PDB file of N, CA and C in Angstrom:
ATOM      1  N   MET A   1       0.849  -0.969  -0.029  1.00  0.00           N
ATOM      2  CA  MET A   1      -0.113   0.118   0.162  1.00  0.00           C
ATOM      3  C   MET A   1       0.874   1.162   0.035  1.00  0.00           C
ATOM      4  N   LEU A   2       0.626   2.228  -0.768  1.00  0.00           N
ATOM      5  CA  LEU A   2       1.264   3.392  -0.970  1.00  0.00           C
ATOM      6  C   LEU A   2       0.490   4.581  -0.437  1.00  0.00           C
ATOM      7  N   LEU A   3       1.094   5.406   0.698  1.00  0.00           N
ATOM      8  CA  LEU A   3       0.376   6.419   1.238  1.00  0.00           C
ATOM      9  C   LEU A   3       1.089   7.569   0.842  1.00  0.00           C
ATOM     10  N   ALA A   4       0.415   8.475  -0.054  1.00  0.00           N
ATOM     11  CA  ALA A   4       1.228   9.926  -0.083  1.00  0.00           C
ATOM     12  C   ALA A   4       0.855  10.886   0.985  1.00  0.00           C
ATOM     13  N   ALA A   5       1.744  11.398   1.814  1.00  0.00           N
ATOM     14  CA  ALA A   5       1.261  12.053   2.934  1.00  0.00           C
ATOM     15  C   ALA A   5       1.456  13.474   2.506  1.00  0.00           C
ATOM     16  N   LEU A   6       1.641  14.507   3.199  1.00  0.00           N
ATOM     17  CA  LEU A   6       1.476  16.095   2.807  1.00  0.00           C
ATOM     18  C   LEU A   6       2.617  16.161   1.860  1.00  0.00           C
ATOM     19  N   PRO A   7       2.306  16.902   0.558  1.00  0.00           N
ATOM     20  CA  PRO A   7       1.083  17.493   0.429  1.00  0.00           C
ATOM     21  C   PRO A   7       0.169  16.620  -0.374  1.00  0.00           C
ATOM     22  N   VAL A   8      -1.014  16.753  -0.112  1.00  0.00           N
ATOM     23  CA  VAL A   8      -1.993  16.153  -0.955  1.00  0.00           C
ATOM     24  C   VAL A   8      -2.692  16.965  -1.856  1.00  0.00           C
ATOM     25  N   ALA A   9      -3.367  16.517  -3.007  1.00  0.00           N
ATOM     26  CA  ALA A   9      -4.092  17.489  -3.989  1.00  0.00           C
ATOM     27  C   ALA A   9      -5.209  18.149  -3.516  1.00  0.00           C
ATOM     28  N   LEU A  10      -5.994  17.169  -2.690  1.00  0.00           N
ATOM     29  CA  LEU A  10      -7.496  17.631  -2.178  1.00  0.00           C
ATOM     30  C   LEU A  10      -7.374  18.437  -1.010  1.00  0.00           C
ATOM     31  N   ALA A  11      -8.023  19.711  -1.106  1.00  0.00           N
ATOM     32  CA  ALA A  11      -7.780  20.720  -0.017  1.00  0.00           C
ATOM     33  C   ALA A  11      -8.420  19.932   1.334  1.00  0.00           C
ATOM     34  N   GLY A  12      -9.614  19.222   1.161  1.00  0.00           N
ATOM     35  CA  GLY A  12     -10.107  18.669   2.311  1.00  0.00           C
ATOM     36  C   GLY A  12      -9.469  17.701   2.997  1.00  0.00           C
ATOM     37  N   THR A  13      -8.806  16.913   2.027  1.00  0.00           N
ATOM     38  CA  THR A  13      -8.028  15.647   2.669  1.00  0.00           C
ATOM     39  C   THR A  13      -6.687  16.583   3.416  1.00  0.00           C
ATOM     40  N   GLN A  14      -6.131  17.676   2.690  1.00  0.00           N
ATOM     41  CA  GLN A  14      -5.186  18.271   3.222  1.00  0.00           C
ATOM     42  C   GLN A  14      -5.182  18.794   4.658  1.00  0.00           C
ATOM     43  N   LEU A  15      -6.463  19.416   4.746  1.00  0.00           N
ATOM     44  CA  LEU A  15      -6.896  19.895   6.163  1.00  0.00           C
ATOM     45  C   LEU A  15      -6.942  18.868   7.089  1.00  0.00           C
ATOM     46  N   VAL A  16      -7.509  17.758   6.722  1.00  0.00           N
ATOM     47  CA  VAL A  16      -7.451  16.556   7.725  1.00  0.00           C
ATOM     48  C   VAL A  16      -6.327  16.078   8.109  1.00  0.00           C
ATOM     49  N   ALA A  17      -5.465  15.620   7.043  1.00  0.00           N
ATOM     50  CA  ALA A  17      -4.170  15.415   7.429  1.00  0.00           C
ATOM     51  C   ALA A  17      -3.277  16.371   7.873  1.00  0.00           C
ATOM     52  N   GLY A  18      -3.353  17.564   7.592  1.00  0.00           N
ATOM     53  CA  GLY A  18      -2.768  18.678   8.324  1.00  0.00           C
ATOM     54  C   GLY A  18      -2.864  18.799   9.727  1.00  0.00           C
ATOM     55  N   ALA A  19      -4.351  18.866  10.120  1.00  0.00           N
ATOM     56  CA  ALA A  19      -4.512  18.883  11.442  1.00  0.00           C
ATOM     57  C   ALA A  19      -3.977  17.756  12.342  1.00  0.00           C
ATOM     58  N   ALA A  20      -3.813  16.486  11.871  1.00  0.00           N
ATOM     59  CA  ALA A  20      -3.235  15.264  12.380  1.00  0.00           C
ATOM     60  C   ALA A  20      -1.786  15.617  12.812  1.00  0.00           C
ATOM     61  N   PHE A  21      -1.177  16.693  11.959  1.00  0.00           N
ATOM     62  CA  PHE A  21       0.296  16.937  12.261  1.00  0.00           C
ATOM     63  C   PHE A  21       0.348  18.438  12.969  1.00  0.00           C
ATOM     64  N   GLY A  22      -0.853  18.982  13.428  1.00  0.00           N
ATOM     65  CA  GLY A  22      -0.687  20.132  14.342  1.00  0.00           C
ATOM     66  C   GLY A  22      -0.834  21.199  13.414  1.00  0.00           C
ATOM     67  N   LEU A  23      -1.058  21.148  12.071  1.00  0.00           N
ATOM     68  CA  LEU A  23      -0.923  22.131  11.200  1.00  0.00           C
ATOM     69  C   LEU A  23      -2.244  23.108  11.078  1.00  0.00           C
ATOM     70  N   THR A  24      -2.280  24.277  10.856  1.00  0.00           N
ATOM     71  CA  THR A  24      -3.757  25.062  10.607  1.00  0.00           C
ATOM     72  C   THR A  24      -3.895  24.976   9.098  1.00  0.00           C
ATOM     73  N   SER A  25      -4.999  25.277   8.675  1.00  0.00           N
ATOM     74  CA  SER A  25      -5.209  25.736   7.136  1.00  0.00           C
ATOM     75  C   SER A  25      -4.620  27.018   6.905  1.00  0.00           C
ATOM     76  N   ARG A  26      -4.316  27.922   7.648  1.00  0.00           N
ATOM     77  CA  ARG A  26      -3.495  29.077   7.285  1.00  0.00           C
ATOM     78  C   ARG A  26      -2.076  28.634   6.882  1.00  0.00           C
ATOM     79  N   ASN A  27      -1.513  27.878   7.961  1.00  0.00           N
ATOM     80  CA  ASN A  27      -0.228  27.324   7.517  1.00  0.00           C
ATOM     81  C   ASN A  27      -0.270  26.537   6.279  1.00  0.00           C
ATOM     82  N   LEU A  28      -0.900  25.796   6.119  1.00  0.00           N
ATOM     83  CA  LEU A  28      -0.855  24.797   4.884  1.00  0.00           C
ATOM     84  C   LEU A  28      -0.985  25.724   3.633  1.00  0.00           C
ATOM     85  N   GLN A  29      -1.993  26.686   3.616  1.00  0.00           N
ATOM     86  CA  GLN A  29      -2.059  27.658   2.470  1.00  0.00           C
ATOM     87  C   GLN A  29      -0.879  28.415   2.258  1.00  0.00           C
ATOM     88  N   ARG A  30      -0.084  28.746   3.297  1.00  0.00           N
ATOM     89  CA  ARG A  30       1.217  29.647   3.180  1.00  0.00           C
ATOM     90  C   ARG A  30       2.510  28.722   2.734  1.00  0.00           C
ATOM     91  N   THR A  31       2.336  27.755   3.033  1.00  0.00           N
ATOM     92  CA  THR A  31       3.343  26.861   2.784  1.00  0.00           C
ATOM     93  C   THR A  31       3.426  25.576   1.871  1.00  0.00           C
ATOM     94  N   ALA A  32       2.210  25.378   1.354  1.00  0.00           N
ATOM     95  CA  ALA A  32       1.853  24.152   0.286  1.00  0.00           C
ATOM     96  C   ALA A  32       2.487  24.611  -1.117  1.00  0.00           C
ATOM     97  N   LYS A  33       2.805  23.574  -1.881  1.00  0.00           N
ATOM     98  CA  LYS A  33       3.371  23.449  -3.003  1.00  0.00           C
ATOM     99  C   LYS A  33       2.267  23.671  -4.058  1.00  0.00           C
ATOM    100  N   PRO A  34       2.195  24.213  -5.152  1.00  0.00           N
ATOM    101  CA  PRO A  34       1.242  23.891  -6.142  1.00  0.00           C
ATOM    102  C   PRO A  34       1.187  22.520  -6.622  1.00  0.00           C
ATOM    103  N   VAL A  35      -0.035  22.178  -7.030  1.00  0.00           N
ATOM    104  CA  VAL A  35      -0.254  20.758  -7.336  1.00  0.00           C
ATOM    105  C   VAL A  35       0.679  20.139  -8.298  1.00  0.00           C
ATOM    106  N   SER A  36       0.958  20.956  -9.329  1.00  0.00           N
ATOM    107  CA  SER A  36       1.984  20.625 -10.390  1.00  0.00           C
ATOM    108  C   SER A  36       3.367  20.037  -9.707  1.00  0.00           C
ATOM    109  N   GLU A  37       3.851  20.829  -8.743  1.00  0.00           N
ATOM    110  CA  GLU A  37       4.960  20.793  -8.096  1.00  0.00           C
ATOM    111  C   GLU A  37       4.951  19.445  -6.991  1.00  0.00           C
ATOM    112  N   ALA A  38       4.093  19.278  -6.315  1.00  0.00           N
ATOM    113  CA  ALA A  38       3.780  18.116  -5.482  1.00  0.00           C
ATOM    114  C   ALA A  38       3.526  16.911  -6.324  1.00  0.00           C
ATOM    115  N   LEU A  39       2.991  16.855  -7.388  1.00  0.00           N
ATOM    116  CA  LEU A  39       2.932  15.640  -8.162  1.00  0.00           C
ATOM    117  C   LEU A  39       4.130  15.111  -8.585  1.00  0.00           C
ATOM    118  N   VAL A  40       5.288  15.810  -8.514  1.00  0.00           N
ATOM    119  CA  VAL A  40       6.495  15.309  -9.162  1.00  0.00           C
ATOM    120  C   VAL A  40       7.091  14.168  -8.155  1.00  0.00           C
ATOM    121  N   SER A  41       6.899  14.498  -6.889  1.00  0.00           N
ATOM    122  CA  SER A  41       7.252  13.849  -5.773  1.00  0.00           C
ATOM    123  C   SER A  41       6.500  12.288  -5.871  1.00  0.00           C
ATOM    124  N   ILE A  42       5.114  12.544  -5.979  1.00  0.00           N
ATOM    125  CA  ILE A  42       4.163  11.568  -5.933  1.00  0.00           C
ATOM    126  C   ILE A  42       4.369  10.490  -7.212  1.00  0.00           C
ATOM    127  N   VAL A  43       4.552  11.054  -8.372  1.00  0.00           N
ATOM    128  CA  VAL A  43       4.694  10.341  -9.442  1.00  0.00           C
ATOM    129  C   VAL A  43       6.097   9.400  -9.579  1.00  0.00           C
ATOM    130  N   ALA A  44       7.103  10.162  -8.812  1.00  0.00           N
ATOM    131  CA  ALA A  44       8.309   9.310  -8.778  1.00  0.00           C
ATOM    132  C   ALA A  44       8.298   8.147  -8.020  1.00  0.00           C
ATOM    133  N   VAL A  45       7.478   8.302  -6.734  1.00  0.00           N
ATOM    134  CA  VAL A  45       7.136   6.995  -6.100  1.00  0.00           C
ATOM    135  C   VAL A  45       6.268   6.164  -6.664  1.00  0.00           C
ATOM    136  N   LEU A  46       5.274   6.572  -7.429  1.00  0.00           N
ATOM    137  CA  LEU A  46       4.356   5.678  -8.221  1.00  0.00           C
ATOM    138  C   LEU A  46       5.075   4.968  -9.350  1.00  0.00           C
ATOM    139  N   ASP A  47       6.144   5.729 -10.021  1.00  0.00           N
ATOM    140  CA  ASP A  47       6.791   5.041 -11.112  1.00  0.00           C
ATOM    141  C   ASP A  47       7.928   3.852 -10.482  1.00  0.00           C
ATOM    142  N   GLY A  48       8.415   4.225  -9.197  1.00  0.00           N
ATOM    143  CA  GLY A  48       9.507   3.498  -8.692  1.00  0.00           C
ATOM    144  C   GLY A  48       8.946   3.156  -7.240  1.00  0.00           C
ATOM    145  N   PRO A  49       8.032   2.260  -7.197  1.00  0.00           N
ATOM    146  CA  PRO A  49       7.680   2.113  -5.569  1.00  0.00           C
ATOM    147  C   PRO A  49       8.673   1.268  -4.814  1.00  0.00           C
ATOM    148  N   PRO A  50       8.509   1.699  -3.619  1.00  0.00           N
ATOM    149  CA  PRO A  50       9.579   0.667  -2.579  1.00  0.00           C
ATOM    150  C   PRO A  50       8.953  -0.672  -2.594  1.00  0.00           C
ATOM    151  N   PRO A  51       9.759  -1.646  -2.160  1.00  0.00           N
ATOM    152  CA  PRO A  51       9.485  -3.116  -2.147  1.00  0.00           C
ATOM    153  C   PRO A  51       8.558  -3.249  -0.900  1.00  0.00           C
ATOM    154  N   ARG A  52       8.680  -2.494   0.163  1.00  0.00           N
ATOM    155  CA  ARG A  52       7.839  -2.789   1.192  1.00  0.00           C
ATOM    156  C   ARG A  52       6.288  -2.526   1.007  1.00  0.00           C
ATOM    157  N   PRO A  53       5.625  -3.516   1.881  1.00  0.00           N
ATOM    158  CA  PRO A  53       4.067  -3.547   1.386  1.00  0.00           C
ATOM    159  C   PRO A  53       3.268  -2.069   2.167  1.00  0.00           C
ATOM    160  N   LEU A  54       4.060  -1.374   3.105  1.00  0.00           N
ATOM    161  CA  LEU A  54       3.365  -0.199   3.433  1.00  0.00           C
ATOM    162  C   LEU A  54       4.681   0.906   3.570  1.00  0.00           C
ATOM    163  N   SER A  55       4.329   2.112   2.697  1.00  0.00           N
ATOM    164  CA  SER A  55       5.146   3.047   2.876  1.00  0.00           C
ATOM    165  C   SER A  55       4.412   4.313   3.075  1.00  0.00           C
ATOM    166  N   ALA A  56       5.159   5.485   3.412  1.00  0.00           N
ATOM    167  CA  ALA A  56       4.504   6.782   3.481  1.00  0.00           C
ATOM    168  C   ALA A  56       5.699   7.725   3.436  1.00  0.00           C
ATOM    169  N   PHE A  57       5.139   8.826   2.818  1.00  0.00           N
ATOM    170  CA  PHE A  57       6.048   9.867   2.237  1.00  0.00           C
ATOM    171  C   PHE A  57       5.704  11.295   2.637  1.00  0.00           C
ATOM    172  N   VAL A  58       6.671  12.106   2.983  1.00  0.00           N
ATOM    173  CA  VAL A  58       6.287  13.638   2.768  1.00  0.00           C
ATOM    174  C   VAL A  58       7.450  14.150   1.973  1.00  0.00           C
ATOM    175  N   GLU A  59       6.699  14.580   0.551  1.00  0.00           N
ATOM    176  CA  GLU A  59       7.313  14.937  -0.339  1.00  0.00           C
ATOM    177  C   GLU A  59       8.148  13.801  -0.841  1.00  0.00           C
ATOM    178  N   GLU A  60       9.410  13.877  -0.966  1.00  0.00           N
ATOM    179  CA  GLU A  60      10.294  12.693  -1.414  1.00  0.00           C
ATOM    180  C   GLU A  60      10.688  11.906  -0.254  1.00  0.00           C
ATOM    181  N   TYR A  61      10.584  12.523   0.765  1.00  0.00           N
ATOM    182  CA  TYR A  61      11.291  11.838   2.080  1.00  0.00           C
ATOM    183  C   TYR A  61      10.313  10.487   2.541  1.00  0.00           C
ATOM    184  N   GLU A  62      10.987   9.505   2.836  1.00  0.00           N
ATOM    185  CA  GLU A  62      10.154   8.348   3.244  1.00  0.00           C
ATOM    186  C   GLU A  62      10.139   8.476   4.862  1.00  0.00           C
ATOM    187  N   LEU A  63       8.844   8.040   5.268  1.00  0.00           N
ATOM    188  CA  LEU A  63       8.896   8.124   6.708  1.00  0.00           C
ATOM    189  C   LEU A  63       8.738   6.777   7.507  1.00  0.00           C
ATOM    190  N   ASP A  64       9.279   6.674   8.447  1.00  0.00           N
ATOM    191  CA  ASP A  64       9.244   5.496   9.225  1.00  0.00           C
ATOM    192  C   ASP A  64       8.045   4.903   9.962  1.00  0.00           C
ATOM    193  N   VAL A  65       7.314   3.918   9.119  1.00  0.00           N
ATOM    194  CA  VAL A  65       5.881   3.584   9.484  1.00  0.00           C
ATOM    195  C   VAL A  65       5.920   2.820  10.730  1.00  0.00           C
ATOM    196  N   HIS A  66       7.023   2.471  11.184  1.00  0.00           N
ATOM    197  CA  HIS A  66       7.137   1.710  12.758  1.00  0.00           C
ATOM    198  C   HIS A  66       7.188   2.711  13.743  1.00  0.00           C
ATOM    199  N   ALA A  67       7.431   4.106  13.411  1.00  0.00           N
ATOM    200  CA  ALA A  67       7.620   5.236  14.431  1.00  0.00           C
ATOM    201  C   ALA A  67       6.152   5.417  15.085  1.00  0.00           C
ATOM    202  N   ALA A  68       6.156   5.856  16.209  1.00  0.00           N
ATOM    203  CA  ALA A  68       4.704   6.404  16.947  1.00  0.00           C
ATOM    204  C   ALA A  68       3.767   6.752  16.226  1.00  0.00           C
ATOM    205  N   ASP A  69       4.193   7.793  15.249  1.00  0.00           N
ATOM    206  CA  ASP A  69       3.189   8.619  14.405  1.00  0.00           C
ATOM    207  C   ASP A  69       2.409   7.794  13.808  1.00  0.00           C
ATOM    208  N   PHE A  70       2.819   6.570  13.532  1.00  0.00           N
ATOM    209  CA  PHE A  70       1.936   5.483  12.808  1.00  0.00           C
ATOM    210  C   PHE A  70       1.190   4.383  13.766  1.00  0.00           C
ATOM    211  N   GLY A  71       1.390   4.578  15.041  1.00  0.00           N
ATOM    212  CA  GLY A  71       0.804   3.458  15.871  1.00  0.00           C
ATOM    213  C   GLY A  71      -0.759   3.720  16.246  1.00  0.00           C
ATOM    214  N   PRO A  72      -1.324   2.685  17.033  1.00  0.00           N
ATOM    215  CA  PRO A  72      -2.718   3.102  17.071  1.00  0.00           C
ATOM    216  C   PRO A  72      -3.306   4.313  17.667  1.00  0.00           C
ATOM    217  N   SER A  73      -2.642   4.762  18.570  1.00  0.00           N
ATOM    218  CA  SER A  73      -3.056   6.232  19.061  1.00  0.00           C
ATOM    219  C   SER A  73      -3.106   7.287  18.091  1.00  0.00           C
ATOM    220  N   ALA A  74      -1.895   7.239  17.362  1.00  0.00           N
ATOM    221  CA  ALA A  74      -2.082   8.300  16.202  1.00  0.00           C
ATOM    222  C   ALA A  74      -3.227   7.868  15.188  1.00  0.00           C
ATOM    223  N   ALA A  75      -3.390   6.521  14.913  1.00  0.00           N
ATOM    224  CA  ALA A  75      -4.397   6.260  13.997  1.00  0.00           C
ATOM    225  C   ALA A  75      -5.792   6.678  14.492  1.00  0.00           C
ATOM    226  N   ARG A  76      -5.937   6.432  15.947  1.00  0.00           N
ATOM    227  CA  ARG A  76      -7.266   6.782  16.507  1.00  0.00           C
ATOM    228  C   ARG A  76      -7.602   8.400  16.346  1.00  0.00           C
ATOM    229  N   ARG A  77      -6.496   9.047  16.527  1.00  0.00           N
ATOM    230  CA  ARG A  77      -6.590  10.559  16.738  1.00  0.00           C
ATOM    231  C   ARG A  77      -6.966  11.157  15.049  1.00  0.00           C
ATOM    232  N   LEU A  78      -6.295  10.410  14.347  1.00  0.00           N
ATOM    233  CA  LEU A  78      -6.454  10.936  12.907  1.00  0.00           C
ATOM    234  C   LEU A  78      -8.075  10.626  12.384  1.00  0.00           C
ATOM    235  N   HIS A  79      -8.457   9.172  12.844  1.00  0.00           N
ATOM    236  CA  HIS A  79      -9.771   9.010  12.625  1.00  0.00           C
ATOM    237  C   HIS A  79     -10.908   9.968  13.229  1.00  0.00           C
ATOM    238  N   ASP A  80     -10.515  10.274  14.692  1.00  0.00           N
ATOM    239  CA  ASP A  80     -11.494  11.098  15.230  1.00  0.00           C
ATOM    240  C   ASP A  80     -11.269  12.489  14.806  1.00  0.00           C
ATOM    241  N   LEU A  81     -10.195  12.922  14.191  1.00  0.00           N
ATOM    242  CA  LEU A  81     -10.158  14.213  13.362  1.00  0.00           C
ATOM    243  C   LEU A  81     -10.916  14.311  12.107  1.00  0.00           C
ATOM    244  N   THR A  82     -10.827  13.075  11.604  1.00  0.00           N
ATOM    245  CA  THR A  82     -11.559  12.880   9.974  1.00  0.00           C
ATOM    246  C   THR A  82     -13.055  13.064  10.117  1.00  0.00           C
ATOM    247  N   GLU A  83     -13.466  12.195  11.405  1.00  0.00           N
ATOM    248  CA  GLU A  83     -14.864  12.274  11.614  1.00  0.00           C
ATOM    249  C   GLU A  83     -15.302  13.723  11.968  1.00  0.00           C
ATOM    250  N   GLU A  84     -14.701  14.192  12.768  1.00  0.00           N
ATOM    251  CA  GLU A  84     -15.133  15.595  13.350  1.00  0.00           C
ATOM    252  C   GLU A  84     -15.084  16.738  12.101  1.00  0.00           C
ATOM    253  N   TYR A  85     -14.041  16.486  11.020  1.00  0.00           N
ATOM    254  CA  TYR A  85     -14.144  17.504  10.116  1.00  0.00           C
ATOM    255  C   TYR A  85     -15.389  17.014   9.122  1.00  0.00           C
ATOM    256  N   LEU A  86     -15.629  15.849   8.843  1.00  0.00           N
ATOM    257  CA  LEU A  86     -16.556  15.236   7.942  1.00  0.00           C
ATOM    258  C   LEU A  86     -17.771  15.763   8.461  1.00  0.00           C
ATOM    259  N   ALA A  87     -18.124  15.797   9.729  1.00  0.00           N
ATOM    260  CA  ALA A  87     -19.222  16.008  10.388  1.00  0.00           C
ATOM    261  C   ALA A  87     -19.710  17.436  10.251  1.00  0.00           C
ATOM    262  N   ALA A  88     -18.605  18.247  10.167  1.00  0.00           N
ATOM    263  CA  ALA A  88     -18.702  19.614  10.207  1.00  0.00           C
ATOM    264  C   ALA A  88     -18.979  20.388   8.658  1.00  0.00           C
ATOM    265  N   HIS A  89     -18.674  19.383   7.717  1.00  0.00           N
ATOM    266  CA  HIS A  89     -18.676  19.737   6.547  1.00  0.00           C
ATOM    267  C   HIS A  89     -19.542  19.064   5.574  1.00  0.00           C
TER     268      HIS A  89
END
């Protein structure tokens, strides 16, 4: 499975993912790359995927999926933030 972390092309997804990392909508708007630039990193990974069954990236940098950020409590927090966001929109 391939997960493209930040940046993501969809604004709603970006806000939910950003909230999980403690980012605000304002910070994301100020620091986000244009989609055309963000896609370069995403396409590179899609064209040459890593051999592992689960990978996560921030731009071209691979994240350690065994770190605490990917543990059950972080997953629960992301789930709760996603549910909260979807209920509000």
